Amino acid sequence: MNIHKNARLTPLRREEMAVAVIEGRLSKAEAARRYGVCVKSVSRWVERFRVEGSVGMVDRSSRPKTSPRQLATDVCVRIAA
């Protein structure tokens, strides 16, 4: 797995942070300060850990699942012709 070069957290650190918040050792604000991210990021990783566990700590593609305004195949063929 490739870690983004500017990523503040690796999957291991994300899990460490999420567990600390869930167990009550850190508040979300304290975790945000300690790990150098915003509270929204802490919330996202904590929720993902609650739902998916360790598996959810890996990076995901930012590519959209659907493209509702994508051209129909026949239109693409006509344009290419």
PDB file of N, CA and C in Angstrom:
ATOM      1  N   MET A   1       0.846  -1.177   0.000  1.00  0.00           N
ATOM      2  CA  MET A   1       0.000   0.000   0.000  1.00  0.00           C
ATOM      3  C   MET A   1       0.886   1.232   0.000  1.00  0.00           C
ATOM      4  N   ASN A   2       0.512   2.203  -0.793  1.00  0.00           N
ATOM      5  CA  ASN A   2       1.239   3.462  -0.852  1.00  0.00           C
ATOM      6  C   ASN A   2       0.617   4.457   0.116  1.00  0.00           C
ATOM      7  N   ILE A   3       1.436   5.003   0.987  1.00  0.00           N
ATOM      8  CA  ILE A   3       0.978   6.045   1.906  1.00  0.00           C
ATOM      9  C   ILE A   3       1.204   7.382   1.219  1.00  0.00           C
ATOM     10  N   HIS A   4       0.187   8.229   1.228  1.00  0.00           N
ATOM     11  CA  HIS A   4       0.304   9.555   0.633  1.00  0.00           C
ATOM     12  C   HIS A   4       1.476  10.274   1.275  1.00  0.00           C
ATOM     13  N   LYS A   5       2.292  10.952   0.472  1.00  0.00           N
ATOM     14  CA  LYS A   5       3.516  11.552   0.994  1.00  0.00           C
ATOM     15  C   LYS A   5       3.260  12.617   2.055  1.00  0.00           C
ATOM     16  N   ASN A   6       2.085  13.241   2.060  1.00  0.00           N
ATOM     17  CA  ASN A   6       1.771  14.269   3.049  1.00  0.00           C
ATOM     18  C   ASN A   6       0.834  13.773   4.148  1.00  0.00           C
ATOM     19  N   ALA A   7       0.586  12.479   4.190  1.00  0.00           N
ATOM     20  CA  ALA A   7      -0.342  11.928   5.178  1.00  0.00           C
ATOM     21  C   ALA A   7       0.218  12.093   6.587  1.00  0.00           C
ATOM     22  N   ARG A   8      -0.607  12.570   7.473  1.00  0.00           N
ATOM     23  CA  ARG A   8      -0.190  12.715   8.869  1.00  0.00           C
ATOM     24  C   ARG A   8      -0.241  11.381   9.601  1.00  0.00           C
ATOM     25  N   LEU A   9      -1.149  10.514   9.173  1.00  0.00           N
ATOM     26  CA  LEU A   9      -1.358   9.261   9.891  1.00  0.00           C
ATOM     27  C   LEU A   9      -1.206   8.064   8.970  1.00  0.00           C
ATOM     28  N   THR A  10      -0.520   7.051   9.468  1.00  0.00           N
ATOM     29  CA  THR A  10      -0.475   5.766   8.784  1.00  0.00           C
ATOM     30  C   THR A  10      -1.658   4.957   9.303  1.00  0.00           C
ATOM     31  N   PRO A  11      -2.004   3.848   8.652  1.00  0.00           N
ATOM     32  CA  PRO A  11      -3.103   3.022   9.170  1.00  0.00           C
ATOM     33  C   PRO A  11      -2.900   2.603  10.632  1.00  0.00           C
ATOM     34  N   LEU A  12      -1.672   2.310  11.023  1.00  0.00           N
ATOM     35  CA  LEU A  12      -1.396   1.920  12.409  1.00  0.00           C
ATOM     36  C   LEU A  12      -1.687   3.071  13.374  1.00  0.00           C
ATOM     37  N   ARG A  13      -1.266   4.283  13.024  1.00  0.00           N
ATOM     38  CA  ARG A  13      -1.516   5.456  13.881  1.00  0.00           C
ATOM     39  C   ARG A  13      -3.006   5.811  13.914  1.00  0.00           C
ATOM     40  N   ARG A  14      -3.704   5.607  12.798  1.00  0.00           N
ATOM     41  CA  ARG A  14      -5.151   5.864  12.777  1.00  0.00           C
ATOM     42  C   ARG A  14      -5.855   4.948  13.766  1.00  0.00           C
ATOM     43  N   GLU A  15      -5.469   3.683  13.736  1.00  0.00           N
ATOM     44  CA  GLU A  15      -6.078   2.726  14.662  1.00  0.00           C
ATOM     45  C   GLU A  15      -5.736   3.071  16.106  1.00  0.00           C
ATOM     46  N   GLU A  16      -4.500   3.415  16.353  1.00  0.00           N
ATOM     47  CA  GLU A  16      -4.063   3.814  17.696  1.00  0.00           C
ATOM     48  C   GLU A  16      -4.897   4.997  18.207  1.00  0.00           C
ATOM     49  N   MET A  17      -5.096   5.989  17.349  1.00  0.00           N
ATOM     50  CA  MET A  17      -5.871   7.171  17.705  1.00  0.00           C
ATOM     51  C   MET A  17      -7.331   6.809  17.966  1.00  0.00           C
ATOM     52  N   ALA A  18      -7.921   6.008  17.074  1.00  0.00           N
ATOM     53  CA  ALA A  18      -9.325   5.628  17.223  1.00  0.00           C
ATOM     54  C   ALA A  18      -9.557   4.850  18.510  1.00  0.00           C
ATOM     55  N   VAL A  19      -8.674   3.929  18.812  1.00  0.00           N
ATOM     56  CA  VAL A  19      -8.810   3.130  20.042  1.00  0.00           C
ATOM     57  C   VAL A  19      -8.691   4.024  21.271  1.00  0.00           C
ATOM     58  N   ALA A  20      -7.764   4.977  21.237  1.00  0.00           N
ATOM     59  CA  ALA A  20      -7.598   5.890  22.376  1.00  0.00           C
ATOM     60  C   ALA A  20      -8.865   6.703  22.613  1.00  0.00           C
ATOM     61  N   VAL A  21      -9.512   7.143  21.547  1.00  0.00           N
ATOM     62  CA  VAL A  21     -10.744   7.926  21.687  1.00  0.00           C
ATOM     63  C   VAL A  21     -11.880   7.028  22.171  1.00  0.00           C
ATOM     64  N   ILE A  22     -12.017   5.858  21.579  1.00  0.00           N
ATOM     65  CA  ILE A  22     -13.101   4.939  21.954  1.00  0.00           C
ATOM     66  C   ILE A  22     -12.974   4.506  23.409  1.00  0.00           C
ATOM     67  N   GLU A  23     -11.748   4.242  23.856  1.00  0.00           N
ATOM     68  CA  GLU A  23     -11.529   3.811  25.238  1.00  0.00           C
ATOM     69  C   GLU A  23     -11.577   4.970  26.229  1.00  0.00           C
ATOM     70  N   GLY A  24     -11.661   6.193  25.735  1.00  0.00           N
ATOM     71  CA  GLY A  24     -11.789   7.357  26.615  1.00  0.00           C
ATOM     72  C   GLY A  24     -10.470   7.907  27.121  1.00  0.00           C
ATOM     73  N   ARG A  25      -9.354   7.436  26.584  1.00  0.00           N
ATOM     74  CA  ARG A  25      -8.059   7.961  27.010  1.00  0.00           C
ATOM     75  C   ARG A  25      -7.798   9.340  26.439  1.00  0.00           C
ATOM     76  N   LEU A  26      -8.409   9.644  25.292  1.00  0.00           N
ATOM     77  CA  LEU A  26      -8.277  10.959  24.669  1.00  0.00           C
ATOM     78  C   LEU A  26      -9.647  11.423  24.195  1.00  0.00           C
ATOM     79  N   SER A  27      -9.884  12.723  24.296  1.00  0.00           N
ATOM     80  CA  SER A  27     -11.077  13.278  23.653  1.00  0.00           C
ATOM     81  C   SER A  27     -10.739  13.462  22.176  1.00  0.00           C
ATOM     82  N   LYS A  28     -11.734  13.715  21.360  1.00  0.00           N
ATOM     83  CA  LYS A  28     -11.472  13.940  19.939  1.00  0.00           C
ATOM     84  C   LYS A  28     -10.578  15.160  19.740  1.00  0.00           C
ATOM     85  N   ALA A  29     -10.803  16.203  20.532  1.00  0.00           N
ATOM     86  CA  ALA A  29      -9.990  17.414  20.417  1.00  0.00           C
ATOM     87  C   ALA A  29      -8.539  17.139  20.824  1.00  0.00           C
ATOM     88  N   GLU A  30      -8.346  16.382  21.902  1.00  0.00           N
ATOM     89  CA  GLU A  30      -6.986  16.039  22.339  1.00  0.00           C
ATOM     90  C   GLU A  30      -6.285  15.173  21.291  1.00  0.00           C
ATOM     91  N   ALA A  31      -7.009  14.225  20.742  1.00  0.00           N
ATOM     92  CA  ALA A  31      -6.437  13.357  19.710  1.00  0.00           C
ATOM     93  C   ALA A  31      -6.053  14.169  18.484  1.00  0.00           C
ATOM     94  N   ALA A  32      -6.899  15.119  18.108  1.00  0.00           N
ATOM     95  CA  ALA A  32      -6.608  15.966  16.953  1.00  0.00           C
ATOM     96  C   ALA A  32      -5.306  16.740  17.158  1.00  0.00           C
ATOM     97  N   ARG A  33      -5.141  17.314  18.341  1.00  0.00           N
ATOM     98  CA  ARG A  33      -3.911  18.051  18.637  1.00  0.00           C
ATOM     99  C   ARG A  33      -2.700  17.121  18.651  1.00  0.00           C
ATOM    100  N   ARG A  34      -2.822  15.997  19.305  1.00  0.00           N
ATOM    101  CA  ARG A  34      -1.692  15.071  19.447  1.00  0.00           C
ATOM    102  C   ARG A  34      -1.241  14.503  18.099  1.00  0.00           C
ATOM    103  N   TYR A  35      -2.186  14.193  17.231  1.00  0.00           N
ATOM    104  CA  TYR A  35      -1.847  13.545  15.961  1.00  0.00           C
ATOM    105  C   TYR A  35      -1.752  14.528  14.790  1.00  0.00           C
ATOM    106  N   GLY A  36      -1.988  15.804  15.066  1.00  0.00           N
ATOM    107  CA  GLY A  36      -1.797  16.829  14.047  1.00  0.00           C
ATOM    108  C   GLY A  36      -2.823  16.830  12.933  1.00  0.00           C
ATOM    109  N   VAL A  37      -4.068  16.494  13.279  1.00  0.00           N
ATOM    110  CA  VAL A  37      -5.155  16.504  12.300  1.00  0.00           C
ATOM    111  C   VAL A  37      -6.322  17.301  12.876  1.00  0.00           C
ATOM    112  N   CYS A  38      -7.363  17.507  12.086  1.00  0.00           N
ATOM    113  CA  CYS A  38      -8.529  18.235  12.588  1.00  0.00           C
ATOM    114  C   CYS A  38      -9.493  17.269  13.290  1.00  0.00           C
ATOM    115  N   VAL A  39     -10.388  17.817  14.063  1.00  0.00           N
ATOM    116  CA  VAL A  39     -11.365  17.015  14.810  1.00  0.00           C
ATOM    117  C   VAL A  39     -12.242  16.212  13.845  1.00  0.00           C
ATOM    118  N   LYS A  40     -12.556  16.793  12.695  1.00  0.00           N
ATOM    119  CA  LYS A  40     -13.367  16.093  11.702  1.00  0.00           C
ATOM    120  C   LYS A  40     -12.666  14.814  11.231  1.00  0.00           C
ATOM    121  N   SER A  41     -11.357  14.882  11.041  1.00  0.00           N
ATOM    122  CA  SER A  41     -10.599  13.692  10.640  1.00  0.00           C
ATOM    123  C   SER A  41     -10.612  12.637  11.739  1.00  0.00           C
ATOM    124  N   VAL A  42     -10.462  13.083  12.975  1.00  0.00           N
ATOM    125  CA  VAL A  42     -10.524  12.141  14.100  1.00  0.00           C
ATOM    126  C   VAL A  42     -11.880  11.442  14.108  1.00  0.00           C
ATOM    127  N   SER A  43     -12.945  12.205  13.962  1.00  0.00           N
ATOM    128  CA  SER A  43     -14.296  11.632  13.952  1.00  0.00           C
ATOM    129  C   SER A  43     -14.454  10.611  12.835  1.00  0.00           C
ATOM    130  N   ARG A  44     -13.943  10.934  11.660  1.00  0.00           N
ATOM    131  CA  ARG A  44     -14.046  10.034  10.511  1.00  0.00           C
ATOM    132  C   ARG A  44     -13.345   8.705  10.792  1.00  0.00           C
ATOM    133  N   TRP A  45     -12.112   8.780  11.320  1.00  0.00           N
ATOM    134  CA  TRP A  45     -11.361   7.550  11.575  1.00  0.00           C
ATOM    135  C   TRP A  45     -11.962   6.746  12.722  1.00  0.00           C
ATOM    136  N   VAL A  46     -12.462   7.412  13.752  1.00  0.00           N
ATOM    137  CA  VAL A  46     -13.093   6.706  14.872  1.00  0.00           C
ATOM    138  C   VAL A  46     -14.342   5.968  14.394  1.00  0.00           C
ATOM    139  N   GLU A  47     -15.165   6.642  13.613  1.00  0.00           N
ATOM    140  CA  GLU A  47     -16.391   6.013  13.114  1.00  0.00           C
ATOM    141  C   GLU A  47     -16.061   4.848  12.187  1.00  0.00           C
ATOM    142  N   ARG A  48     -15.089   5.045  11.326  1.00  0.00           N
ATOM    143  CA  ARG A  48     -14.721   3.966  10.408  1.00  0.00           C
ATOM    144  C   ARG A  48     -14.175   2.763  11.186  1.00  0.00           C
ATOM    145  N   PHE A  49     -13.418   3.017  12.255  1.00  0.00           N
ATOM    146  CA  PHE A  49     -12.897   1.919  13.071  1.00  0.00           C
ATOM    147  C   PHE A  49     -14.034   1.186  13.783  1.00  0.00           C
ATOM    148  N   ARG A  50     -15.019   1.940  14.278  1.00  0.00           N
ATOM    149  CA  ARG A  50     -16.162   1.303  14.944  1.00  0.00           C
ATOM    150  C   ARG A  50     -16.918   0.372  13.992  1.00  0.00           C
ATOM    151  N   VAL A  51     -17.070   0.793  12.746  1.00  0.00           N
ATOM    152  CA  VAL A  51     -17.842   0.035  11.765  1.00  0.00           C
ATOM    153  C   VAL A  51     -17.032  -1.116  11.160  1.00  0.00           C
ATOM    154  N   GLU A  52     -15.773  -0.838  10.790  1.00  0.00           N
ATOM    155  CA  GLU A  52     -14.996  -1.801  10.012  1.00  0.00           C
ATOM    156  C   GLU A  52     -13.812  -2.418  10.740  1.00  0.00           C
ATOM    157  N   GLY A  53     -13.449  -1.873  11.889  1.00  0.00           N
ATOM    158  CA  GLY A  53     -12.280  -2.390  12.589  1.00  0.00           C
ATOM    159  C   GLY A  53     -10.989  -1.981  11.898  1.00  0.00           C
ATOM    160  N   SER A  54      -9.945  -2.767  12.089  1.00  0.00           N
ATOM    161  CA  SER A  54      -8.622  -2.453  11.540  1.00  0.00           C
ATOM    162  C   SER A  54      -8.625  -2.351  10.022  1.00  0.00           C
ATOM    163  N   VAL A  55      -9.464  -3.125   9.376  1.00  0.00           N
ATOM    164  CA  VAL A  55      -9.533  -3.131   7.910  1.00  0.00           C
ATOM    165  C   VAL A  55      -9.904  -1.750   7.371  1.00  0.00           C
ATOM    166  N   GLY A  56     -10.707  -0.999   8.100  1.00  0.00           N
ATOM    167  CA  GLY A  56     -11.165   0.306   7.645  1.00  0.00           C
ATOM    168  C   GLY A  56     -10.146   1.417   7.765  1.00  0.00           C
ATOM    169  N   MET A  57      -8.969   1.127   8.302  1.00  0.00           N
ATOM    170  CA  MET A  57      -7.972   2.165   8.511  1.00  0.00           C
ATOM    171  C   MET A  57      -7.095   2.430   7.289  1.00  0.00           C
ATOM    172  N   VAL A  58      -7.236   1.640   6.249  1.00  0.00           N
ATOM    173  CA  VAL A  58      -6.422   1.848   5.045  1.00  0.00           C
ATOM    174  C   VAL A  58      -7.025   2.948   4.178  1.00  0.00           C
ATOM    175  N   ASP A  59      -6.182   3.545   3.340  1.00  0.00           N
ATOM    176  CA  ASP A  59      -6.641   4.587   2.427  1.00  0.00           C
ATOM    177  C   ASP A  59      -7.607   4.009   1.407  1.00  0.00           C
ATOM    178  N   ARG A  60      -8.534   4.834   0.974  1.00  0.00           N
ATOM    179  CA  ARG A  60      -9.483   4.447  -0.055  1.00  0.00           C
ATOM    180  C   ARG A  60      -9.295   5.346  -1.262  1.00  0.00           C
ATOM    181  N   SER A  61      -9.751   4.872  -2.381  1.00  0.00           N
ATOM    182  CA  SER A  61      -9.692   5.662  -3.609  1.00  0.00           C
ATOM    183  C   SER A  61     -10.644   6.852  -3.488  1.00  0.00           C
ATOM    184  N   SER A  62     -10.233   7.968  -4.049  1.00  0.00           N
ATOM    185  CA  SER A  62     -11.114   9.146  -4.047  1.00  0.00           C
ATOM    186  C   SER A  62     -11.935   9.204  -5.334  1.00  0.00           C
ATOM    187  N   ARG A  63     -11.780   8.199  -6.176  1.00  0.00           N
ATOM    188  CA  ARG A  63     -12.532   8.143  -7.428  1.00  0.00           C
ATOM    189  C   ARG A  63     -14.013   7.920  -7.117  1.00  0.00           C
ATOM    190  N   PRO A  64     -14.899   8.660  -7.778  1.00  0.00           N
ATOM    191  CA  PRO A  64     -16.328   8.468  -7.527  1.00  0.00           C
ATOM    192  C   PRO A  64     -16.793   7.076  -7.966  1.00  0.00           C
ATOM    193  N   LYS A  65     -17.765   6.536  -7.258  1.00  0.00           N
ATOM    194  CA  LYS A  65     -18.307   5.216  -7.602  1.00  0.00           C
ATOM    195  C   LYS A  65     -19.164   5.283  -8.866  1.00  0.00           C
ATOM    196  N   THR A  66     -19.815   6.407  -9.093  1.00  0.00           N
ATOM    197  CA  THR A  66     -20.644   6.584 -10.281  1.00  0.00           C
ATOM    198  C   THR A  66     -20.368   7.941 -10.906  1.00  0.00           C
ATOM    199  N   SER A  67     -20.702   8.052 -12.171  1.00  0.00           N
ATOM    200  CA  SER A  67     -20.603   9.321 -12.892  1.00  0.00           C
ATOM    201  C   SER A  67     -21.955   9.583 -13.554  1.00  0.00           C
ATOM    202  N   PRO A  68     -22.879  10.178 -12.821  1.00  0.00           N
ATOM    203  CA  PRO A  68     -24.238  10.337 -13.333  1.00  0.00           C
ATOM    204  C   PRO A  68     -24.343  11.174 -14.606  1.00  0.00           C
ATOM    205  N   ARG A  69     -23.383  12.019 -14.881  1.00  0.00           N
ATOM    206  CA  ARG A  69     -23.441  12.861 -16.078  1.00  0.00           C
ATOM    207  C   ARG A  69     -22.549  12.325 -17.194  1.00  0.00           C
ATOM    208  N   GLN A  70     -22.116  11.085 -17.073  1.00  0.00           N
ATOM    209  CA  GLN A  70     -21.266  10.474 -18.083  1.00  0.00           C
ATOM    210  C   GLN A  70     -22.055  10.289 -19.382  1.00  0.00           C
ATOM    211  N   LEU A  71     -21.385  10.512 -20.492  1.00  0.00           N
ATOM    212  CA  LEU A  71     -22.030  10.348 -21.789  1.00  0.00           C
ATOM    213  C   LEU A  71     -22.336   8.878 -22.056  1.00  0.00           C
ATOM    214  N   ALA A  72     -23.433   8.646 -22.762  1.00  0.00           N
ATOM    215  CA  ALA A  72     -23.795   7.291 -23.157  1.00  0.00           C
ATOM    216  C   ALA A  72     -22.764   6.765 -24.157  1.00  0.00           C
ATOM    217  N   THR A  73     -22.592   5.456 -24.187  1.00  0.00           N
ATOM    218  CA  THR A  73     -21.595   4.837 -25.064  1.00  0.00           C
ATOM    219  C   THR A  73     -21.822   5.192 -26.527  1.00  0.00           C
ATOM    220  N   ASP A  74     -23.081   5.160 -26.994  1.00  0.00           N
ATOM    221  CA  ASP A  74     -23.342   5.476 -28.401  1.00  0.00           C
ATOM    222  C   ASP A  74     -22.958   6.916 -28.751  1.00  0.00           C
ATOM    223  N   VAL A  75     -23.117   7.844 -27.815  1.00  0.00           N
ATOM    224  CA  VAL A  75     -22.728   9.224 -28.054  1.00  0.00           C
ATOM    225  C   VAL A  75     -21.206   9.315 -28.152  1.00  0.00           C
ATOM    226  N   CYS A  76     -20.494   8.604 -27.312  1.00  0.00           N
ATOM    227  CA  CYS A  76     -19.022   8.597 -27.365  1.00  0.00           C
ATOM    228  C   CYS A  76     -18.539   8.053 -28.703  1.00  0.00           C
ATOM    229  N   VAL A  77     -19.186   6.988 -29.187  1.00  0.00           N
ATOM    230  CA  VAL A  77     -18.810   6.384 -30.467  1.00  0.00           C
ATOM    231  C   VAL A  77     -19.025   7.381 -31.611  1.00  0.00           C
ATOM    232  N   ARG A  78     -20.153   8.083 -31.572  1.00  0.00           N
ATOM    233  CA  ARG A  78     -20.440   9.082 -32.615  1.00  0.00           C
ATOM    234  C   ARG A  78     -19.422  10.215 -32.584  1.00  0.00           C
ATOM    235  N   ILE A  79     -19.050  10.658 -31.412  1.00  0.00           N
ATOM    236  CA  ILE A  79     -18.077  11.736 -31.282  1.00  0.00           C
ATOM    237  C   ILE A  79     -16.722  11.281 -31.830  1.00  0.00           C
ATOM    238  N   ALA A  80     -16.325  10.070 -31.464  1.00  0.00           N
ATOM    239  CA  ALA A  80     -15.040   9.538 -31.932  1.00  0.00           C
ATOM    240  C   ALA A  80     -15.011   9.386 -33.446  1.00  0.00           C
ATOM    241  N   ALA A  81     -16.153   9.042 -34.027  1.00  0.00           N
ATOM    242  CA  ALA A  81     -16.222   8.857 -35.488  1.00  0.00           C
ATOM    243  C   ALA A  81     -16.125  10.211 -36.145  1.00  0.00           C
TER     244      ALA A  81
END
